[in-house]
Amino acid sequence: MSNVASYIQHLTGGQSTPPQMGKRNTLVSEDRPVTLDFIAAQLQRVLSEIRILRDDVDVLAAIVRRLDNNQALMLDELRAMHAQQQRTAARVRALEERPT
């Protein structure tokens, strides 16, 4: 049984079918009924986990941006090196073509 199914079964007191119309069904958690305080605590836990996930996404996005910037800088560096080699090759050709 999945965690969700077992949790729902736990909340419904073991009932696998929805309550019949007209019958009052109180969701219980072992000894106590589910209250707004319980729901609020669960909501705070979920919001805390969402904040943690957002922090993780922010860190991963920063890593990607850094790598993307490094790639752009590396491309500029490669272009500069290519231009430098082209100038050197042009000077060598000019020297080779010069009559001696």
Protein backbone atom coordinates (compact mmCIF):
# COMPACT_ATOMS: atom_id res chain seq x y z
CA MET A 1 0.00 0.00 0.00
CA SER A 2 1.37 3.42 -0.88
CA ASN A 3 2.22 6.03 1.74
CA VAL A 4 -0.64 8.25 0.57
CA ALA A 5 -3.17 5.43 0.73
CA SER A 6 -2.03 4.36 4.20
CA TYR A 7 -2.12 7.98 5.41
CA ILE A 8 -5.67 8.43 4.07
CA GLN A 9 -6.70 5.16 5.67
CA HIS A 10 -5.08 6.34 8.92
CA LEU A 11 -7.01 9.64 8.76
CA THR A 12 -10.34 8.02 7.94
CA GLY A 13 -10.05 5.51 10.75
CA GLY A 14 -9.53 2.56 8.46
CA GLN A 15 -12.50 3.20 6.19
CA SER A 16 -11.68 2.56 2.57
CA THR A 17 -14.92 4.02 1.21
CA PRO A 18 -16.27 7.53 1.67
CA PRO A 19 -18.84 8.04 4.43
CA GLN A 20 -22.51 7.68 3.53
CA MET A 21 -24.68 10.78 3.25
CA GLY A 22 -26.21 11.74 6.55
CA LYS A 23 -23.64 9.88 8.62
CA ARG A 24 -21.16 11.99 10.53
CA ASN A 25 -17.56 10.93 10.03
CA THR A 26 -14.86 12.52 12.14
CA LEU A 27 -11.30 12.24 10.89
CA VAL A 28 -9.19 11.08 13.78
CA SER A 29 -5.51 10.79 14.26
CA GLU A 30 -5.11 7.90 16.71
CA ASP A 31 -6.30 9.62 19.92
CA ARG A 32 -7.30 13.09 18.77
CA PRO A 33 -9.48 14.55 16.04
CA VAL A 34 -7.90 16.46 13.19
CA THR A 35 -8.08 20.10 14.20
CA LEU A 36 -7.24 23.36 12.54
CA ASP A 37 -4.07 23.42 14.65
CA PHE A 38 -3.02 20.06 13.21
CA ILE A 39 -3.76 21.25 9.66
CA ALA A 40 -1.90 24.51 10.32
CA ALA A 41 1.14 22.59 11.59
CA GLN A 42 1.09 20.38 8.50
CA LEU A 43 0.77 23.44 6.29
CA GLN A 44 3.75 25.06 8.01
CA ARG A 45 5.76 21.89 7.42
CA VAL A 46 4.83 21.89 3.72
CA LEU A 47 5.66 25.60 3.39
CA SER A 48 9.00 25.00 5.08
CA GLU A 49 9.78 22.21 2.61
CA ILE A 50 8.79 24.47 -0.29
CA ARG A 51 11.18 27.15 1.00
CA ILE A 52 13.96 24.56 1.14
CA LEU A 53 13.20 23.44 -2.42
CA ARG A 54 13.19 27.06 -3.61
CA ASP A 55 16.58 27.59 -1.99
CA ASP A 56 17.87 24.49 -3.76
CA VAL A 57 16.52 25.73 -7.10
CA ASP A 58 18.13 29.14 -6.51
CA VAL A 59 21.51 27.49 -5.88
CA LEU A 60 21.21 25.29 -8.98
CA ALA A 61 20.15 28.28 -11.10
CA ALA A 62 23.16 30.24 -9.85
CA ILE A 63 25.44 27.34 -10.81
CA VAL A 64 23.91 27.21 -14.30
CA ARG A 65 24.27 30.99 -14.71
CA ARG A 66 27.91 30.78 -13.63
CA LEU A 67 28.60 27.97 -16.06
CA ASP A 68 26.78 29.85 -18.82
CA ASN A 69 28.85 32.98 -18.14
CA ASN A 70 32.02 30.91 -18.10
CA GLN A 71 31.07 29.43 -21.44
CA ALA A 72 30.50 32.89 -22.93
CA LEU A 73 33.84 34.10 -21.55
CA MET A 74 35.58 31.00 -22.86
CA LEU A 75 34.07 31.60 -26.29
CA ASP A 76 35.41 35.17 -26.25
CA GLU A 77 38.82 33.84 -25.21
CA LEU A 78 38.81 31.27 -28.03
CA ARG A 79 37.87 33.96 -30.55
CA ALA A 80 40.71 36.18 -29.34
CA MET A 81 43.18 33.28 -29.53
CA HIS A 82 41.97 32.44 -33.04
CA ALA A 83 42.41 36.08 -34.15
CA GLN A 84 45.89 36.11 -32.59
CA GLN A 85 46.87 32.93 -34.45
CA GLN A 86 45.43 34.30 -37.69
CA ARG A 87 47.57 37.46 -37.32
CA THR A 88 50.65 35.36 -36.58
CA ALA A 89 49.95 33.14 -39.60
CA ALA A 90 49.52 36.25 -41.80
CA ARG A 91 52.89 37.62 -40.64
CA VAL A 92 54.60 34.29 -41.29
CA ARG A 93 53.06 34.15 -44.78
CA ALA A 94 54.25 37.71 -45.44
CA LEU A 95 57.77 36.76 -44.38
CA GLU A 96 57.71 33.62 -46.52
CA GLU A 97 56.50 35.55 -49.56
CA ARG A 98 59.17 38.24 -49.21
CA PRO A 99 61.94 37.82 -51.73
CA THR A 100 65.27 37.08 -50.19
